[in-house]
């Protein structure tokens, strides 16, 4: 019975040993002393100008949220489209309801002005 799990155990042991090898290599080749340059504020290779704490516009988050909604919609729509012929009418009605809820959400966001860049 153990022979069925042997490839899995070998794969897991190899992955664990690889992770340990990467950590050990990083520890061996890292700099072992901190200098003055390590304590400075660093942003994209340049010294920061002005305050480093800034607030982001909520529009960035709203665009990201809308993207996630459509990404999840694609994840659900693609498998459904592949099995459309064998899924039946109930599956079609459920998908129409799902798309209607998403369209309603987009309409609401549009009416609230979430897609306007100000």
N, C-alpha and C. Protein backbone atom coordinates (compact mmCIF):
# COMPACT_ATOMS: atom_id res chain seq x y z
N UNK A 1 0.83 -1.20 0.00
CA UNK A 1 0.00 0.00 0.00
C UNK A 1 0.87 1.26 0.00
N UNK A 2 2.04 1.19 0.59
CA UNK A 2 2.93 2.34 0.64
C UNK A 2 3.51 2.67 -0.74
N UNK A 3 3.59 1.70 -1.63
CA UNK A 3 4.15 1.95 -2.95
C UNK A 3 3.30 2.91 -3.78
N UNK A 4 2.01 2.97 -3.49
CA UNK A 4 1.15 3.92 -4.20
C UNK A 4 1.45 5.36 -3.83
N UNK A 5 1.93 5.57 -2.61
CA UNK A 5 2.25 6.91 -2.13
C UNK A 5 3.72 7.26 -2.32
N UNK A 6 4.52 6.33 -2.77
CA UNK A 6 5.95 6.57 -2.89
C UNK A 6 6.29 7.72 -3.84
N UNK A 7 5.70 7.84 -5.03
CA UNK A 7 6.01 9.00 -5.88
C UNK A 7 5.63 10.33 -5.21
N UNK A 8 4.51 10.34 -4.51
CA UNK A 8 4.09 11.54 -3.81
C UNK A 8 5.08 11.92 -2.71
N UNK A 9 5.51 10.94 -1.94
CA UNK A 9 6.47 11.19 -0.87
C UNK A 9 7.81 11.65 -1.41
N UNK A 10 8.26 11.07 -2.52
CA UNK A 10 9.52 11.49 -3.14
C UNK A 10 9.38 12.93 -3.64
N UNK A 11 8.27 13.26 -4.25
CA UNK A 11 8.04 14.62 -4.74
C UNK A 11 8.03 15.62 -3.59
N UNK A 12 7.34 15.28 -2.50
CA UNK A 12 7.28 16.17 -1.34
C UNK A 12 8.66 16.34 -0.71
N UNK A 13 9.42 15.25 -0.59
CA UNK A 13 10.76 15.34 -0.01
C UNK A 13 11.67 16.19 -0.91
N UNK A 14 11.55 16.01 -2.22
CA UNK A 14 12.35 16.83 -3.14
C UNK A 14 12.00 18.30 -3.03
N UNK A 15 10.73 18.62 -2.92
CA UNK A 15 10.32 20.01 -2.77
C UNK A 15 10.81 20.60 -1.47
N UNK A 16 10.75 19.83 -0.39
CA UNK A 16 11.23 20.30 0.91
C UNK A 16 12.74 20.52 0.88
N UNK A 17 13.47 19.60 0.28
CA UNK A 17 14.92 19.74 0.19
C UNK A 17 15.31 20.92 -0.70
N UNK A 18 14.57 21.14 -1.78
CA UNK A 18 14.84 22.29 -2.64
C UNK A 18 14.62 23.59 -1.89
N UNK A 19 13.55 23.66 -1.10
CA UNK A 19 13.28 24.87 -0.31
C UNK A 19 14.40 25.11 0.70
N UNK A 20 14.86 24.06 1.35
CA UNK A 20 15.97 24.20 2.29
C UNK A 20 17.24 24.64 1.58
N UNK A 21 17.50 24.12 0.39
CA UNK A 21 18.67 24.50 -0.38
C UNK A 21 18.63 25.98 -0.75
N UNK A 22 17.49 26.47 -1.15
CA UNK A 22 17.35 27.88 -1.52
C UNK A 22 17.58 28.77 -0.30
N UNK A 23 17.02 28.40 0.84
CA UNK A 23 17.19 29.19 2.06
C UNK A 23 18.65 29.18 2.50
N UNK A 24 19.30 28.01 2.45
CA UNK A 24 20.71 27.92 2.85
C UNK A 24 21.60 28.72 1.91
N UNK A 25 21.32 28.69 0.61
CA UNK A 25 22.11 29.46 -0.35
C UNK A 25 21.94 30.96 -0.10
N UNK A 26 20.74 31.37 0.19
CA UNK A 26 20.49 32.78 0.49
C UNK A 26 21.26 33.18 1.75
N UNK A 27 21.27 32.36 2.75
CA UNK A 27 21.96 32.67 4.00
C UNK A 27 23.47 32.75 3.78
N UNK A 28 24.01 31.88 2.93
CA UNK A 28 25.46 31.87 2.68
C UNK A 28 25.93 33.10 1.92
N UNK A 29 25.16 33.56 0.95
CA UNK A 29 25.61 34.63 0.07
C UNK A 29 25.09 36.02 0.45
N UNK A 30 24.36 36.15 1.50
CA UNK A 30 23.84 37.46 1.88
C UNK A 30 24.94 38.30 2.51
N UNK A 31 24.80 39.62 2.49
CA UNK A 31 25.78 40.45 3.20
C UNK A 31 25.58 40.29 4.71
N UNK A 32 26.66 40.15 5.43
CA UNK A 32 26.55 39.88 6.87
C UNK A 32 26.70 41.12 7.73
N UNK A 33 26.86 42.27 7.13
CA UNK A 33 26.97 43.51 7.91
C UNK A 33 26.11 44.58 7.26
N UNK A 34 25.46 45.37 8.10
CA UNK A 34 24.63 46.46 7.58
C UNK A 34 25.47 47.72 7.51
N UNK A 35 25.32 48.46 6.45
CA UNK A 35 26.06 49.71 6.27
C UNK A 35 25.11 50.89 6.36
N UNK A 36 25.66 52.07 6.12
CA UNK A 36 24.83 53.27 6.16
C UNK A 36 23.77 53.27 5.07
N UNK A 37 24.07 52.67 3.94
CA UNK A 37 23.12 52.67 2.83
C UNK A 37 21.89 51.81 3.13
N UNK A 38 22.03 50.82 3.99
CA UNK A 38 20.90 49.95 4.31
C UNK A 38 19.84 50.65 5.14
N UNK A 39 20.20 51.73 5.81
CA UNK A 39 19.26 52.41 6.70
C UNK A 39 18.53 53.56 6.02
N UNK A 40 18.88 53.87 4.79
CA UNK A 40 18.23 54.97 4.09
C UNK A 40 16.91 54.54 3.47
N UNK A 41 16.03 55.51 3.29
CA UNK A 41 14.77 55.26 2.62
C UNK A 41 15.05 55.06 1.14
N UNK A 42 14.44 54.06 0.55
CA UNK A 42 14.76 53.68 -0.83
C UNK A 42 13.46 53.53 -1.61
N UNK A 43 13.39 54.19 -2.75
CA UNK A 43 12.21 54.07 -3.58
C UNK A 43 12.64 54.06 -5.04
N UNK A 44 12.59 52.92 -5.67
CA UNK A 44 12.90 52.77 -7.09
C UNK A 44 14.29 53.28 -7.45
N UNK A 45 15.23 53.15 -6.55
CA UNK A 45 16.59 53.56 -6.84
C UNK A 45 16.87 55.03 -6.65
N UNK A 46 15.87 55.80 -6.26
CA UNK A 46 16.03 57.23 -6.06
C UNK A 46 15.67 57.60 -4.63
N UNK A 47 16.28 58.68 -4.14
CA UNK A 47 15.88 59.18 -2.83
C UNK A 47 14.48 59.75 -2.93
N UNK A 48 13.69 59.54 -1.88
CA UNK A 48 12.32 60.05 -1.90
C UNK A 48 12.32 61.55 -1.76
N UNK A 49 11.32 62.17 -2.36
CA UNK A 49 11.14 63.61 -2.27
C UNK A 49 9.81 63.88 -1.61
N UNK A 50 9.80 64.69 -0.60
CA UNK A 50 8.57 65.00 0.10
C UNK A 50 8.20 63.91 1.08
N UNK A 51 6.97 63.96 1.58
CA UNK A 51 6.56 62.95 2.57
C UNK A 51 6.41 61.58 1.91
N UNK A 52 6.79 60.56 2.63
CA UNK A 52 6.68 59.20 2.08
C UNK A 52 5.30 58.61 2.31
N UNK A 53 4.48 59.23 3.12
CA UNK A 53 3.13 58.75 3.36
C UNK A 53 2.18 59.54 2.48
N UNK A 54 1.55 58.86 1.53
CA UNK A 54 0.56 59.51 0.67
C UNK A 54 -0.70 58.68 0.67
N UNK A 55 -1.82 59.32 0.43
CA UNK A 55 -3.08 58.60 0.35
C UNK A 55 -3.41 58.36 -1.12
N UNK A 56 -3.93 57.18 -1.40
CA UNK A 56 -4.31 56.85 -2.77
C UNK A 56 -5.78 57.18 -2.98
N UNK A 57 -6.09 57.49 -4.21
CA UNK A 57 -7.49 57.76 -4.54
C UNK A 57 -8.30 56.47 -4.46
N UNK A 58 -9.54 56.58 -4.06
CA UNK A 58 -10.42 55.43 -3.96
C UNK A 58 -10.71 54.85 -5.34
N UNK A 59 -10.53 55.64 -6.39
CA UNK A 59 -10.79 55.15 -7.75
C UNK A 59 -9.91 53.97 -8.11
N UNK A 60 -8.67 53.95 -7.60
CA UNK A 60 -7.79 52.81 -7.87
C UNK A 60 -8.41 51.53 -7.32
N UNK A 61 -8.93 51.59 -6.12
CA UNK A 61 -9.52 50.41 -5.49
C UNK A 61 -10.80 49.99 -6.19
N UNK A 62 -11.58 50.96 -6.64
CA UNK A 62 -12.81 50.62 -7.34
C UNK A 62 -12.53 49.95 -8.67
N UNK A 63 -11.52 50.43 -9.39
CA UNK A 63 -11.15 49.76 -10.64
C UNK A 63 -10.65 48.35 -10.38
N UNK A 64 -9.88 48.19 -9.32
CA UNK A 64 -9.40 46.85 -8.98
C UNK A 64 -10.56 45.93 -8.61
N UNK A 65 -11.53 46.45 -7.88
CA UNK A 65 -12.68 45.64 -7.49
C UNK A 65 -13.52 45.23 -8.70
N UNK A 66 -13.70 46.15 -9.62
CA UNK A 66 -14.45 45.82 -10.84
C UNK A 66 -13.70 44.78 -11.66
N UNK A 67 -12.37 44.91 -11.72
CA UNK A 67 -11.58 43.91 -12.42
C UNK A 67 -11.74 42.53 -11.78
N UNK A 68 -11.72 42.46 -10.47
CA UNK A 68 -11.88 41.18 -9.78
C UNK A 68 -13.25 40.59 -10.06
N UNK A 69 -14.27 41.41 -10.09
CA UNK A 69 -15.62 40.91 -10.38
C UNK A 69 -15.67 40.28 -11.77
N UNK A 70 -15.10 40.95 -12.76
CA UNK A 70 -15.14 40.40 -14.12
C UNK A 70 -14.19 39.21 -14.27
N UNK A 71 -13.14 39.19 -13.50
CA UNK A 71 -12.25 38.04 -13.53
C UNK A 71 -12.96 36.81 -12.98
N UNK A 72 -13.69 36.98 -11.89
CA UNK A 72 -14.46 35.86 -11.33
C UNK A 72 -15.57 35.44 -12.29
N UNK A 73 -16.18 36.41 -12.96
CA UNK A 73 -17.20 36.08 -13.94
C UNK A 73 -16.61 35.20 -15.05
N UNK A 74 -15.43 35.53 -15.51
CA UNK A 74 -14.78 34.73 -16.55
C UNK A 74 -14.48 33.33 -16.05
N UNK A 75 -14.07 33.22 -14.82
CA UNK A 75 -13.77 31.90 -14.25
C UNK A 75 -15.02 31.03 -14.23
N UNK A 76 -16.17 31.61 -14.00
CA UNK A 76 -17.42 30.84 -13.99
C UNK A 76 -17.98 30.62 -15.40
N UNK A 77 -17.79 31.60 -16.27
CA UNK A 77 -18.38 31.50 -17.61
C UNK A 77 -17.64 30.52 -18.52
N UNK A 78 -16.34 30.45 -18.41
CA UNK A 78 -15.57 29.61 -19.33
C UNK A 78 -15.92 28.13 -19.20
N UNK A 79 -15.91 27.53 -18.01
CA UNK A 79 -16.30 26.11 -17.92
C UNK A 79 -17.75 25.88 -18.33
N UNK A 80 -18.61 26.83 -18.01
CA UNK A 80 -20.02 26.69 -18.39
C UNK A 80 -20.15 26.68 -19.91
N UNK A 81 -19.39 27.55 -20.59
CA UNK A 81 -19.47 27.60 -22.05
C UNK A 81 -18.96 26.31 -22.68
N UNK A 82 -17.98 25.67 -22.05
CA UNK A 82 -17.46 24.43 -22.60
C UNK A 82 -18.45 23.28 -22.48
N UNK A 83 -19.31 23.31 -21.46
CA UNK A 83 -20.28 22.24 -21.25
C UNK A 83 -21.70 22.71 -21.54
N UNK A 84 -21.85 23.72 -22.38
CA UNK A 84 -23.16 24.31 -22.62
C UNK A 84 -24.17 23.31 -23.19
N UNK A 85 -23.77 22.50 -24.15
CA UNK A 85 -24.72 21.58 -24.80
C UNK A 85 -25.20 20.49 -23.86
N UNK A 86 -24.34 20.02 -22.98
CA UNK A 86 -24.73 18.92 -22.10
C UNK A 86 -25.27 19.40 -20.76
N UNK A 87 -25.22 20.69 -20.49
CA UNK A 87 -25.62 21.19 -19.17
C UNK A 87 -27.13 21.27 -18.98
N UNK A 88 -27.87 21.55 -20.00
CA UNK A 88 -29.32 21.62 -19.88
C UNK A 88 -29.85 23.02 -19.71
N UNK A 89 -31.16 23.11 -19.67
CA UNK A 89 -31.84 24.41 -19.59
C UNK A 89 -31.69 25.05 -18.21
N UNK A 90 -31.65 24.25 -17.15
CA UNK A 90 -31.52 24.81 -15.81
C UNK A 90 -30.18 25.55 -15.67
N UNK A 91 -29.14 25.00 -16.25
CA UNK A 91 -27.83 25.64 -16.21
C UNK A 91 -27.86 26.96 -16.97
N UNK A 92 -28.56 26.99 -18.09
CA UNK A 92 -28.68 28.21 -18.88
C UNK A 92 -29.39 29.30 -18.09
N UNK A 93 -30.48 28.95 -17.41
CA UNK A 93 -31.24 29.92 -16.61
C UNK A 93 -30.38 30.44 -15.46
N UNK A 94 -29.64 29.55 -14.80
CA UNK A 94 -28.78 29.98 -13.71
C UNK A 94 -27.70 30.95 -14.19
N UNK A 95 -27.15 30.70 -15.37
CA UNK A 95 -26.12 31.58 -15.89
C UNK A 95 -26.71 32.92 -16.30
N UNK A 96 -27.92 32.93 -16.82
CA UNK A 96 -28.58 34.20 -17.15
C UNK A 96 -28.81 35.03 -15.89
N UNK A 97 -29.22 34.38 -14.81
CA UNK A 97 -29.41 35.09 -13.54
C UNK A 97 -28.07 35.62 -13.04
N UNK A 98 -27.01 34.82 -13.14
CA UNK A 98 -25.67 35.24 -12.71
C UNK A 98 -25.21 36.46 -13.48
N UNK A 99 -25.37 36.44 -14.80
CA UNK A 99 -24.96 37.57 -15.63
C UNK A 99 -25.84 38.79 -15.35
N UNK A 100 -27.12 38.57 -15.10
CA UNK A 100 -28.01 39.68 -14.78
C UNK A 100 -27.59 40.37 -13.47
N UNK A 101 -27.17 39.60 -12.48
CA UNK A 101 -26.71 40.20 -11.23
C UNK A 101 -25.44 41.02 -11.47
N UNK A 102 -24.53 40.51 -12.31
CA UNK A 102 -23.32 41.27 -12.61
C UNK A 102 -23.62 42.54 -13.39
N UNK A 103 -24.55 42.46 -14.34
CA UNK A 103 -24.93 43.65 -15.10
C UNK A 103 -25.59 44.67 -14.18
N UNK A 104 -26.39 44.21 -13.26
CA UNK A 104 -27.02 45.11 -12.28
C UNK A 104 -25.96 45.79 -11.42
N UNK A 105 -24.93 45.06 -11.03
CA UNK A 105 -23.84 45.65 -10.26
C UNK A 105 -23.07 46.69 -11.05
N UNK A 106 -22.85 46.43 -12.33
CA UNK A 106 -22.15 47.41 -13.17
C UNK A 106 -23.01 48.65 -13.37
N UNK A 107 -24.27 48.43 -13.58
CA UNK A 107 -25.17 49.58 -13.75
C UNK A 107 -25.17 50.44 -12.49
N UNK A 108 -25.19 49.81 -11.31
CA UNK A 108 -25.17 50.54 -10.04
C UNK A 108 -23.87 51.33 -9.90
N UNK A 109 -22.73 50.68 -10.21
CA UNK A 109 -21.44 51.36 -10.10
C UNK A 109 -21.35 52.52 -11.09
N UNK A 110 -21.90 52.33 -12.27
CA UNK A 110 -21.89 53.39 -13.27
C UNK A 110 -22.72 54.58 -12.80
N UNK A 111 -23.90 54.29 -12.23
CA UNK A 111 -24.77 55.38 -11.75
C UNK A 111 -24.14 56.13 -10.58
N UNK A 112 -23.36 55.43 -9.76
CA UNK A 112 -22.69 56.08 -8.63
C UNK A 112 -21.45 56.86 -9.05
N UNK A 113 -21.02 56.71 -10.31
CA UNK A 113 -19.87 57.43 -10.81
C UNK A 113 -18.54 56.76 -10.49
N UNK A 114 -18.57 55.46 -10.25
CA UNK A 114 -17.34 54.75 -9.89
C UNK A 114 -16.38 54.65 -11.06
N UNK A 115 -16.85 54.79 -12.28
CA UNK A 115 -16.00 54.65 -13.44
C UNK A 115 -15.48 55.99 -13.99
N UNK A 116 -15.84 57.09 -13.32
CA UNK A 116 -15.40 58.39 -13.75
C UNK A 116 -14.09 58.73 -13.07
N UNK A 117 -13.11 59.16 -13.86
CA UNK A 117 -11.81 59.51 -13.31
C UNK A 117 -11.80 61.00 -13.06
N UNK A 118 -11.75 61.36 -11.78
CA UNK A 118 -11.81 62.79 -11.42
C UNK A 118 -10.49 63.25 -10.87
